[in-house]
Amino acid sequence: MSHTHYVPESWKIVKVTDPSTGTSHKRVLCSWYGGYCGSDEWRLSSGNLEPQDCGDHWKVPQTSGSVYQLLKANEKISAQMQNVFNSYNLHPAEVVKLEWSNV
C-alpha cells in the first residue's frame, strides 16, 4: 500500500488537546506557498508517531500512514499557519485546544 509523503515549505508541531478527556497528541501544522498562479495550501496531520532525527530533517510518520519530511531549516510559522492556529482556538474550549510544541 502506497502512502503519501509530504515535504512542507513551513511547519510547526502543535499539541492538540481534547478538554473533555484531557488527552493530547502532537500533529504537524504545515503550509506550502502557491506562487504567482497558485494558491497557498495548509494541512494539519492526523497525528504523529515516533519522529526520527535524520540530520537535516525529521521523518515523522502519521497514524494515517502518511509521512512528513520536515526540513529543520523550514521550521517556522507562516501567516497562513498562524491564521489556521488562531481559528482553531476561537472555538469554544470544549471542542479542541491547540498549542505550539516541539518535535
PDB file of N, CA and C in Angstrom:
ATOM      1  N   MET A   1       0.831  -1.168   0.000  1.00  0.00           N
ATOM      2  CA  MET A   1       0.000   0.000   0.000  1.00  0.00           C
ATOM      3  C   MET A   1       0.887   1.246   0.000  1.00  0.00           C
ATOM      4  N   SER A   2       0.575   2.183  -0.872  1.00  0.00           N
ATOM      5  CA  SER A   2       1.354   3.405  -1.005  1.00  0.00           C
ATOM      6  C   SER A   2       0.817   4.482  -0.067  1.00  0.00           C
ATOM      7  N   HIS A   3       1.720   5.192   0.587  1.00  0.00           N
ATOM      8  CA  HIS A   3       1.319   6.260   1.496  1.00  0.00           C
ATOM      9  C   HIS A   3       1.841   7.585   0.968  1.00  0.00           C
ATOM     10  N   THR A   4       1.144   8.645   1.305  1.00  0.00           N
ATOM     11  CA  THR A   4       1.523   9.979   0.854  1.00  0.00           C
ATOM     12  C   THR A   4       2.723  10.481   1.641  1.00  0.00           C
ATOM     13  N   HIS A   5       3.612  11.169   0.933  1.00  0.00           N
ATOM     14  CA  HIS A   5       4.834  11.730   1.505  1.00  0.00           C
ATOM     15  C   HIS A   5       4.746  13.249   1.327  1.00  0.00           C
ATOM     16  N   TYR A   6       4.869  14.000   2.407  1.00  0.00           N
ATOM     17  CA  TYR A   6       4.768  15.459   2.357  1.00  0.00           C
ATOM     18  C   TYR A   6       6.092  16.102   2.745  1.00  0.00           C
ATOM     19  N   VAL A   7       6.467  17.166   2.022  1.00  0.00           N
ATOM     20  CA  VAL A   7       7.648  17.970   2.352  1.00  0.00           C
ATOM     21  C   VAL A   7       7.187  19.433   2.355  1.00  0.00           C
ATOM     22  N   PRO A   8       6.717  19.925   3.501  1.00  0.00           N
ATOM     23  CA  PRO A   8       6.174  21.291   3.555  1.00  0.00           C
ATOM     24  C   PRO A   8       7.256  22.371   3.502  1.00  0.00           C
ATOM     25  N   GLU A   9       6.840  23.553   3.035  1.00  0.00           N
ATOM     26  CA  GLU A   9       7.749  24.696   2.980  1.00  0.00           C
ATOM     27  C   GLU A   9       7.862  25.401   4.331  1.00  0.00           C
ATOM     28  N   SER A  10       6.822  25.284   5.146  1.00  0.00           N
ATOM     29  CA  SER A  10       6.833  25.802   6.522  1.00  0.00           C
ATOM     30  C   SER A  10       6.120  24.774   7.390  1.00  0.00           C
ATOM     31  N   TRP A  11       6.583  24.610   8.615  1.00  0.00           N
ATOM     32  CA  TRP A  11       5.936  23.642   9.500  1.00  0.00           C
ATOM     33  C   TRP A  11       6.208  23.985  10.958  1.00  0.00           C
ATOM     34  N   LYS A  12       5.327  23.481  11.807  1.00  0.00           N
ATOM     35  CA  LYS A  12       5.486  23.594  13.249  1.00  0.00           C
ATOM     36  C   LYS A  12       4.667  22.481  13.880  1.00  0.00           C
ATOM     37  N   ILE A  13       5.135  21.955  14.969  1.00  0.00           N
ATOM     38  CA  ILE A  13       4.396  20.929  15.709  1.00  0.00           C
ATOM     39  C   ILE A  13       3.382  21.620  16.625  1.00  0.00           C
ATOM     40  N   VAL A  14       2.165  21.086  16.643  1.00  0.00           N
ATOM     41  CA  VAL A  14       1.153  21.588  17.568  1.00  0.00           C
ATOM     42  C   VAL A  14       0.689  20.449  18.464  1.00  0.00           C
ATOM     43  N   LYS A  15       0.387  20.801  19.693  1.00  0.00           N
ATOM     44  CA  LYS A  15      -0.194  19.832  20.623  1.00  0.00           C
ATOM     45  C   LYS A  15      -1.700  20.070  20.621  1.00  0.00           C
ATOM     46  N   VAL A  16      -2.447  19.018  20.312  1.00  0.00           N
ATOM     47  CA  VAL A  16      -3.899  19.101  20.250  1.00  0.00           C
ATOM     48  C   VAL A  16      -4.456  18.434  21.499  1.00  0.00           C
ATOM     49  N   THR A  17      -5.254  19.170  22.257  1.00  0.00           N
ATOM     50  CA  THR A  17      -5.820  18.653  23.495  1.00  0.00           C
ATOM     51  C   THR A  17      -7.342  18.624  23.398  1.00  0.00           C
ATOM     52  N   ASP A  18      -7.914  17.511  23.798  1.00  0.00           N
ATOM     53  CA  ASP A  18      -9.360  17.361  23.906  1.00  0.00           C
ATOM     54  C   ASP A  18      -9.725  17.655  25.357  1.00  0.00           C
ATOM     55  N   PRO A  19     -10.297  18.837  25.636  1.00  0.00           N
ATOM     56  CA  PRO A  19     -10.583  19.213  27.023  1.00  0.00           C
ATOM     57  C   PRO A  19     -11.565  18.274  27.726  1.00  0.00           C
ATOM     58  N   SER A  20     -12.425  17.599  26.968  1.00  0.00           N
ATOM     59  CA  SER A  20     -13.411  16.733  27.609  1.00  0.00           C
ATOM     60  C   SER A  20     -12.776  15.486  28.215  1.00  0.00           C
ATOM     61  N   THR A  21     -11.641  15.040  27.636  1.00  0.00           N
ATOM     62  CA  THR A  21     -10.964  13.846  28.157  1.00  0.00           C
ATOM     63  C   THR A  21      -9.606  14.166  28.775  1.00  0.00           C
ATOM     64  N   GLY A  22      -9.065  15.336  28.428  1.00  0.00           N
ATOM     65  CA  GLY A  22      -7.734  15.700  28.913  1.00  0.00           C
ATOM     66  C   GLY A  22      -6.613  15.058  28.115  1.00  0.00           C
ATOM     67  N   THR A  23      -6.955  14.269  27.093  1.00  0.00           N
ATOM     68  CA  THR A  23      -5.920  13.616  26.286  1.00  0.00           C
ATOM     69  C   THR A  23      -5.369  14.587  25.255  1.00  0.00           C
ATOM     70  N   SER A  24      -4.109  14.417  24.925  1.00  0.00           N
ATOM     71  CA  SER A  24      -3.493  15.264  23.909  1.00  0.00           C
ATOM     72  C   SER A  24      -2.555  14.431  23.049  1.00  0.00           C
ATOM     73  N   HIS A  25      -2.303  14.932  21.861  1.00  0.00           N
ATOM     74  CA  HIS A  25      -1.351  14.311  20.945  1.00  0.00           C
ATOM     75  C   HIS A  25      -0.759  15.402  20.066  1.00  0.00           C
ATOM     76  N   LYS A  26       0.328  15.078  19.407  1.00  0.00           N
ATOM     77  CA  LYS A  26       1.003  16.057  18.561  1.00  0.00           C
ATOM     78  C   LYS A  26       0.665  15.818  17.096  1.00  0.00           C
ATOM     79  N   ARG A  27       0.571  16.927  16.365  1.00  0.00           N
ATOM     80  CA  ARG A  27       0.327  16.896  14.922  1.00  0.00           C
ATOM     81  C   ARG A  27       1.257  17.906  14.244  1.00  0.00           C
ATOM     82  N   VAL A  28       1.378  17.775  12.937  1.00  0.00           N
ATOM     83  CA  VAL A  28       2.147  18.730  12.143  1.00  0.00           C
ATOM     84  C   VAL A  28       1.162  19.708  11.509  1.00  0.00           C
ATOM     85  N   LEU A  29       1.364  20.999  11.757  1.00  0.00           N
ATOM     86  CA  LEU A  29       0.636  22.041  11.043  1.00  0.00           C
ATOM     87  C   LEU A  29       1.633  22.602  10.040  1.00  0.00           C
ATOM     88  N   CYS A  30       1.293  22.558   8.759  1.00  0.00           N
ATOM     89  CA  CYS A  30       2.271  22.963   7.745  1.00  0.00           C
ATOM     90  C   CYS A  30       1.602  23.699   6.594  1.00  0.00           C
ATOM     91  N   SER A  31       2.439  24.338   5.768  1.00  0.00           N
ATOM     92  CA  SER A  31       1.913  25.078   4.627  1.00  0.00           C
ATOM     93  C   SER A  31       2.898  25.054   3.466  1.00  0.00           C
ATOM     94  N   TRP A  32       2.340  25.341   2.296  1.00  0.00           N
ATOM     95  CA  TRP A  32       3.079  25.472   1.051  1.00  0.00           C
ATOM     96  C   TRP A  32       2.646  26.772   0.395  1.00  0.00           C
ATOM     97  N   TYR A  33       3.578  27.470  -0.241  1.00  0.00           N
ATOM     98  CA  TYR A  33       3.266  28.710  -0.949  1.00  0.00           C
ATOM     99  C   TYR A  33       2.844  28.378  -2.364  1.00  0.00           C
ATOM    100  N   GLY A  34       1.787  28.998  -2.821  1.00  0.00           N
ATOM    101  CA  GLY A  34       1.246  28.697  -4.144  1.00  0.00           C
ATOM    102  C   GLY A  34       1.957  29.406  -5.269  1.00  0.00           C
ATOM    103  N   GLY A  35       2.668  30.468  -4.973  1.00  0.00           N
ATOM    104  CA  GLY A  35       3.347  31.216  -6.026  1.00  0.00           C
ATOM    105  C   GLY A  35       2.395  32.158  -6.748  1.00  0.00           C
ATOM    106  N   TYR A  36       2.839  32.640  -7.883  1.00  0.00           N
ATOM    107  CA  TYR A  36       2.103  33.659  -8.625  1.00  0.00           C
ATOM    108  C   TYR A  36       0.733  33.175  -9.098  1.00  0.00           C
ATOM    109  N   CYS A  37       0.660  31.981  -9.663  1.00  0.00           N
ATOM    110  CA  CYS A  37      -0.591  31.487 -10.258  1.00  0.00           C
ATOM    111  C   CYS A  37      -1.372  30.522  -9.368  1.00  0.00           C
ATOM    112  N   GLY A  38      -0.789  30.120  -8.277  1.00  0.00           N
ATOM    113  CA  GLY A  38      -1.457  29.139  -7.419  1.00  0.00           C
ATOM    114  C   GLY A  38      -1.915  29.760  -6.114  1.00  0.00           C
ATOM    115  N   SER A  39      -2.574  28.959  -5.328  1.00  0.00           N
ATOM    116  CA  SER A  39      -2.992  29.439  -4.009  1.00  0.00           C
ATOM    117  C   SER A  39      -2.209  28.680  -2.940  1.00  0.00           C
ATOM    118  N   ASP A  40      -2.024  29.335  -1.812  1.00  0.00           N
ATOM    119  CA  ASP A  40      -1.329  28.703  -0.691  1.00  0.00           C
ATOM    120  C   ASP A  40      -2.164  27.543  -0.166  1.00  0.00           C
ATOM    121  N   GLU A  41      -1.488  26.555   0.399  1.00  0.00           N
ATOM    122  CA  GLU A  41      -2.166  25.404   0.975  1.00  0.00           C
ATOM    123  C   GLU A  41      -1.666  25.190   2.391  1.00  0.00           C
ATOM    124  N   TRP A  42      -2.505  24.574   3.202  1.00  0.00           N
ATOM    125  CA  TRP A  42      -2.097  24.188   4.551  1.00  0.00           C
ATOM    126  C   TRP A  42      -2.666  22.815   4.851  1.00  0.00           C
ATOM    127  N   ARG A  43      -2.091  22.172   5.857  1.00  0.00           N
ATOM    128  CA  ARG A  43      -2.526  20.834   6.239  1.00  0.00           C
ATOM    129  C   ARG A  43      -2.235  20.641   7.728  1.00  0.00           C
ATOM    130  N   LEU A  44      -3.158  19.956   8.406  1.00  0.00           N
ATOM    131  CA  LEU A  44      -2.958  19.542   9.788  1.00  0.00           C
ATOM    132  C   LEU A  44      -2.932  18.021   9.755  1.00  0.00           C
ATOM    133  N   SER A  45      -1.818  17.434  10.136  1.00  0.00           N
ATOM    134  CA  SER A  45      -1.635  15.984  10.014  1.00  0.00           C
ATOM    135  C   SER A  45      -2.547  15.213  10.953  1.00  0.00           C
ATOM    136  N   SER A  46      -2.618  13.904  10.746  1.00  0.00           N
ATOM    137  CA  SER A  46      -3.520  13.040  11.507  1.00  0.00           C
ATOM    138  C   SER A  46      -3.045  12.764  12.929  1.00  0.00           C
ATOM    139  N   GLY A  47      -1.763  12.810  13.163  1.00  0.00           N
ATOM    140  CA  GLY A  47      -1.204  12.546  14.492  1.00  0.00           C
ATOM    141  C   GLY A  47       0.155  11.897  14.366  1.00  0.00           C
ATOM    142  N   ASN A  48       1.117  12.415  15.097  1.00  0.00           N
ATOM    143  CA  ASN A  48       2.498  11.958  14.993  1.00  0.00           C
ATOM    144  C   ASN A  48       2.720  10.629  15.698  1.00  0.00           C
ATOM    145  N   LEU A  49       3.479   9.781  15.043  1.00  0.00           N
ATOM    146  CA  LEU A  49       4.019   8.600  15.690  1.00  0.00           C
ATOM    147  C   LEU A  49       5.428   8.973  16.130  1.00  0.00           C
ATOM    148  N   GLU A  50       6.336   8.047  16.238  1.00  0.00           N
ATOM    149  CA  GLU A  50       7.682   8.343  16.729  1.00  0.00           C
ATOM    150  C   GLU A  50       8.508   9.080  15.665  1.00  0.00           C
ATOM    151  N   PRO A  51       8.874  10.374  15.890  1.00  0.00           N
ATOM    152  CA  PRO A  51       9.699  11.100  14.921  1.00  0.00           C
ATOM    153  C   PRO A  51      11.122  10.542  14.881  1.00  0.00           C
ATOM    154  N   GLN A  52      11.733  10.587  13.700  1.00  0.00           N
ATOM    155  CA  GLN A  52      13.104  10.112  13.526  1.00  0.00           C
ATOM    156  C   GLN A  52      13.981  11.279  13.100  1.00  0.00           C
ATOM    157  N   ASP A  53      15.065  11.511  13.833  1.00  0.00           N
ATOM    158  CA  ASP A  53      16.005  12.585  13.502  1.00  0.00           C
ATOM    159  C   ASP A  53      16.920  12.088  12.397  1.00  0.00           C
ATOM    160  N   CYS A  54      16.856  12.718  11.229  1.00  0.00           N
ATOM    161  CA  CYS A  54      17.654  12.311  10.059  1.00  0.00           C
ATOM    162  C   CYS A  54      18.680  13.376   9.694  1.00  0.00           C
ATOM    163  N   GLY A  55      19.208  14.083  10.682  1.00  0.00           N
ATOM    164  CA  GLY A  55      20.233  15.093  10.424  1.00  0.00           C
ATOM    165  C   GLY A  55      19.610  16.437  10.083  1.00  0.00           C
ATOM    166  N   ASP A  56      19.414  16.705   8.784  1.00  0.00           N
ATOM    167  CA  ASP A  56      18.874  17.998   8.366  1.00  0.00           C
ATOM    168  C   ASP A  56      17.348  18.034   8.351  1.00  0.00           C
ATOM    169  N   HIS A  57      16.710  16.912   8.653  1.00  0.00           N
ATOM    170  CA  HIS A  57      15.248  16.872   8.668  1.00  0.00           C
ATOM    171  C   HIS A  57      14.729  15.835   9.665  1.00  0.00           C
ATOM    172  N   TRP A  58      13.466  15.968   9.980  1.00  0.00           N
ATOM    173  CA  TRP A  58      12.746  14.984  10.791  1.00  0.00           C
ATOM    174  C   TRP A  58      11.882  14.163   9.859  1.00  0.00           C
ATOM    175  N   LYS A  59      11.855  12.876  10.059  1.00  0.00           N
ATOM    176  CA  LYS A  59      10.929  11.994   9.357  1.00  0.00           C
ATOM    177  C   LYS A  59       9.851  11.659  10.384  1.00  0.00           C
ATOM    178  N   VAL A  60       8.614  12.081  10.092  1.00  0.00           N
ATOM    179  CA  VAL A  60       7.542  11.954  11.079  1.00  0.00           C
ATOM    180  C   VAL A  60       6.376  11.153  10.493  1.00  0.00           C
ATOM    181  N   PRO A  61       6.315   9.852  10.790  1.00  0.00           N
ATOM    182  CA  PRO A  61       5.188   9.041  10.336  1.00  0.00           C
ATOM    183  C   PRO A  61       3.906   9.452  11.070  1.00  0.00           C
ATOM    184  N   GLN A  62       2.770   9.261  10.409  1.00  0.00           N
ATOM    185  CA  GLN A  62       1.479   9.644  10.954  1.00  0.00           C
ATOM    186  C   GLN A  62       0.588   8.427  11.162  1.00  0.00           C
ATOM    187  N   THR A  63      -0.420   8.593  11.986  1.00  0.00           N
ATOM    188  CA  THR A  63      -1.352   7.498  12.239  1.00  0.00           C
ATOM    189  C   THR A  63      -2.094   7.079  10.969  1.00  0.00           C
ATOM    190  N   SER A  64      -2.221   7.988   9.994  1.00  0.00           N
ATOM    191  CA  SER A  64      -2.905   7.680   8.734  1.00  0.00           C
ATOM    192  C   SER A  64      -2.038   6.853   7.790  1.00  0.00           C
ATOM    193  N   GLY A  65      -0.740   6.773   8.077  1.00  0.00           N
ATOM    194  CA  GLY A  65       0.194   6.073   7.210  1.00  0.00           C
ATOM    195  C   GLY A  65       1.038   7.010   6.363  1.00  0.00           C
ATOM    196  N   SER A  66       0.646   8.280   6.269  1.00  0.00           N
ATOM    197  CA  SER A  66       1.465   9.234   5.520  1.00  0.00           C
ATOM    198  C   SER A  66       2.720   9.573   6.323  1.00  0.00           C
ATOM    199  N   VAL A  67       3.703  10.164   5.635  1.00  0.00           N
ATOM    200  CA  VAL A  67       4.971  10.523   6.263  1.00  0.00           C
ATOM    201  C   VAL A  67       5.285  11.974   5.921  1.00  0.00           C
ATOM    202  N   TYR A  68       5.680  12.735   6.924  1.00  0.00           N
ATOM    203  CA  TYR A  68       6.099  14.114   6.731  1.00  0.00           C
ATOM    204  C   TYR A  68       7.614  14.187   6.856  1.00  0.00           C
ATOM    205  N   GLN A  69       8.258  14.766   5.848  1.00  0.00           N
ATOM    206  CA  GLN A  69       9.696  15.038   5.904  1.00  0.00           C
ATOM    207  C   GLN A  69       9.820  16.521   6.215  1.00  0.00           C
ATOM    208  N   LEU A  70      10.214  16.822   7.444  1.00  0.00           N
ATOM    209  CA  LEU A  70      10.251  18.197   7.932  1.00  0.00           C
ATOM    210  C   LEU A  70      11.685  18.707   7.947  1.00  0.00           C
ATOM    211  N   LEU A  71      12.021  19.538   6.969  1.00  0.00           N
ATOM    212  CA  LEU A  71      13.361  20.119   6.934  1.00  0.00           C
ATOM    213  C   LEU A  71      13.525  21.040   8.133  1.00  0.00           C
ATOM    214  N   LYS A  72      14.575  20.843   8.897  1.00  0.00           N
ATOM    215  CA  LYS A  72      14.783  21.630  10.116  1.00  0.00           C
ATOM    216  C   LYS A  72      14.875  23.122   9.810  1.00  0.00           C
ATOM    217  N   ALA A  73      15.438  23.474   8.657  1.00  0.00           N
ATOM    218  CA  ALA A  73      15.564  24.880   8.267  1.00  0.00           C
ATOM    219  C   ALA A  73      14.208  25.521   7.961  1.00  0.00           C
ATOM    220  N   ASN A  74      13.173  24.709   7.751  1.00  0.00           N
ATOM    221  CA  ASN A  74      11.846  25.231   7.413  1.00  0.00           C
ATOM    222  C   ASN A  74      10.896  25.284   8.608  1.00  0.00           C
ATOM    223  N   GLU A  75      11.424  25.071   9.813  1.00  0.00           N
ATOM    224  CA  GLU A  75      10.560  25.155  10.996  1.00  0.00           C
ATOM    225  C   GLU A  75      10.276  26.624  11.279  1.00  0.00           C
ATOM    226  N   LYS A  76       9.098  27.063  10.839  1.00  0.00           N
ATOM    227  CA  LYS A  76       8.684  28.449  11.013  1.00  0.00           C
ATOM    228  C   LYS A  76       7.171  28.516  10.852  1.00  0.00           C
ATOM    229  N   ILE A  77       6.600  29.597  11.316  1.00  0.00           N
ATOM    230  CA  ILE A  77       5.153  29.773  11.269  1.00  0.00           C
ATOM    231  C   ILE A  77       4.830  30.774  10.169  1.00  0.00           C
ATOM    232  N   SER A  78       4.153  30.305   9.125  1.00  0.00           N
ATOM    233  CA  SER A  78       3.722  31.211   8.059  1.00  0.00           C
ATOM    234  C   SER A  78       2.473  31.962   8.527  1.00  0.00           C
ATOM    235  N   ALA A  79       2.151  33.043   7.839  1.00  0.00           N
ATOM    236  CA  ALA A  79       0.944  33.810   8.181  1.00  0.00           C
ATOM    237  C   ALA A  79      -0.292  32.929   8.055  1.00  0.00           C
ATOM    238  N   GLN A  80      -0.324  32.089   7.042  1.00  0.00           N
ATOM    239  CA  GLN A  80      -1.468  31.198   6.856  1.00  0.00           C
ATOM    240  C   GLN A  80      -1.590  30.213   8.020  1.00  0.00           C
ATOM    241  N   MET A  81      -0.480  29.649   8.448  1.00  0.00           N
ATOM    242  CA  MET A  81      -0.498  28.722   9.592  1.00  0.00           C
ATOM    243  C   MET A  81      -0.983  29.437  10.851  1.00  0.00           C
ATOM    244  N   GLN A  82      -0.541  30.663  11.065  1.00  0.00           N
ATOM    245  CA  GLN A  82      -0.971  31.419  12.237  1.00  0.00           C
ATOM    246  C   GLN A  82      -2.474  31.647  12.195  1.00  0.00           C
ATOM    247  N   ASN A  83      -3.019  31.943  11.007  1.00  0.00           N
ATOM    248  CA  ASN A  83      -4.463  32.135  10.864  1.00  0.00           C
ATOM    249  C   ASN A  83      -5.228  30.852  11.185  1.00  0.00           C
ATOM    250  N   VAL A  84      -4.729  29.716  10.705  1.00  0.00           N
ATOM    251  CA  VAL A  84      -5.367  28.427  10.990  1.00  0.00           C
ATOM    252  C   VAL A  84      -5.323  28.162  12.490  1.00  0.00           C
ATOM    253  N   PHE A  85      -4.157  28.350  13.087  1.00  0.00           N
ATOM    254  CA  PHE A  85      -3.981  28.147  14.529  1.00  0.00           C
ATOM    255  C   PHE A  85      -4.973  29.003  15.310  1.00  0.00           C
ATOM    256  N   ASN A  86      -5.055  30.277  14.943  1.00  0.00           N
ATOM    257  CA  ASN A  86      -5.963  31.198  15.638  1.00  0.00           C
ATOM    258  C   ASN A  86      -7.420  30.775  15.465  1.00  0.00           C
ATOM    259  N   SER A  87      -7.786  30.325  14.266  1.00  0.00           N
ATOM    260  CA  SER A  87      -9.186  29.956  14.026  1.00  0.00           C
ATOM    261  C   SER A  87      -9.578  28.724  14.844  1.00  0.00           C
ATOM    262  N   TYR A  88      -8.671  27.771  15.020  1.00  0.00           N
ATOM    263  CA  TYR A  88      -8.968  26.612  15.873  1.00  0.00           C
ATOM    264  C   TYR A  88      -9.200  27.060  17.312  1.00  0.00           C
ATOM    265  N   ASN A  89      -8.417  28.005  17.772  1.00  0.00           N
ATOM    266  CA  ASN A  89      -8.518  28.434  19.164  1.00  0.00           C
ATOM    267  C   ASN A  89      -9.653  29.425  19.406  1.00  0.00           C
ATOM    268  N   LEU A  90     -10.357  29.848  18.341  1.00  0.00           N
ATOM    269  CA  LEU A  90     -11.528  30.700  18.509  1.00  0.00           C
ATOM    270  C   LEU A  90     -12.755  29.897  18.931  1.00  0.00           C
ATOM    271  N   HIS A  91     -12.726  28.582  18.644  1.00  0.00           N
ATOM    272  CA  HIS A  91     -13.848  27.728  19.004  1.00  0.00           C
ATOM    273  C   HIS A  91     -13.929  27.607  20.523  1.00  0.00           C
ATOM    274  N   PRO A  92     -15.103  27.254  21.015  1.00  0.00           N
ATOM    275  CA  PRO A  92     -15.219  27.064  22.471  1.00  0.00           C
ATOM    276  C   PRO A  92     -14.187  26.050  22.972  1.00  0.00           C
ATOM    277  N   ALA A  93     -13.708  26.254  24.158  1.00  0.00           N
ATOM    278  CA  ALA A  93     -12.660  25.400  24.732  1.00  0.00           C
ATOM    279  C   ALA A  93     -13.082  23.937  24.837  1.00  0.00           C
ATOM    280  N   GLU A  94     -14.394  23.648  24.751  1.00  0.00           N
ATOM    281  CA  GLU A  94     -14.840  22.262  24.841  1.00  0.00           C
ATOM    282  C   GLU A  94     -14.498  21.469  23.583  1.00  0.00           C
ATOM    283  N   VAL A  95     -14.228  22.152  22.482  1.00  0.00           N
ATOM    284  CA  VAL A  95     -14.014  21.473  21.202  1.00  0.00           C
ATOM    285  C   VAL A  95     -12.589  20.939  21.097  1.00  0.00           C
ATOM    286  N   VAL A  96     -11.615  21.815  21.045  1.00  0.00           N
ATOM    287  CA  VAL A  96     -10.217  21.420  20.932  1.00  0.00           C
ATOM    288  C   VAL A  96      -9.352  22.622  21.289  1.00  0.00           C
ATOM    289  N   LYS A  97      -8.172  22.357  21.767  1.00  0.00           N
ATOM    290  CA  LYS A  97      -7.221  23.429  22.074  1.00  0.00           C
ATOM    291  C   LYS A  97      -5.908  23.103  21.400  1.00  0.00           C
ATOM    292  N   LEU A  98      -5.327  24.072  20.686  1.00  0.00           N
ATOM    293  CA  LEU A  98      -4.026  23.898  20.050  1.00  0.00           C
ATOM    294  C   LEU A  98      -2.977  24.718  20.805  1.00  0.00           C
ATOM    295  N   GLU A  99      -1.795  24.142  20.925  1.00  0.00           N
ATOM    296  CA  GLU A  99      -0.646  24.853  21.496  1.00  0.00           C
ATOM    297  C   GLU A  99       0.560  24.557  20.619  1.00  0.00           C
ATOM    298  N   TRP A 100       1.453  25.554  20.439  1.00  0.00           N
ATOM    299  CA  TRP A 100       2.708  25.296  19.733  1.00  0.00           C
ATOM    300  C   TRP A 100       3.530  24.337  20.590  1.00  0.00           C
ATOM    301  N   SER A 101       4.305  23.471  19.935  1.00  0.00           N
ATOM    302  CA  SER A 101       5.076  22.464  20.668  1.00  0.00           C
ATOM    303  C   SER A 101       6.399  22.209  19.949  1.00  0.00           C
ATOM    304  N   ASN A 102       7.172  21.296  20.459  1.00  0.00           N
ATOM    305  CA  ASN A 102       8.428  20.887  19.850  1.00  0.00           C
ATOM    306  C   ASN A 102       8.303  19.459  19.329  1.00  0.00           C
ATOM    307  N   VAL A 103       9.202  19.098  18.398  1.00  0.00           N
ATOM    308  CA  VAL A 103       9.198  17.731  17.866  1.00  0.00           C
ATOM    309  C   VAL A 103       9.450  16.796  19.010  1.00  0.00           C
TER     310      VAL A 103
END
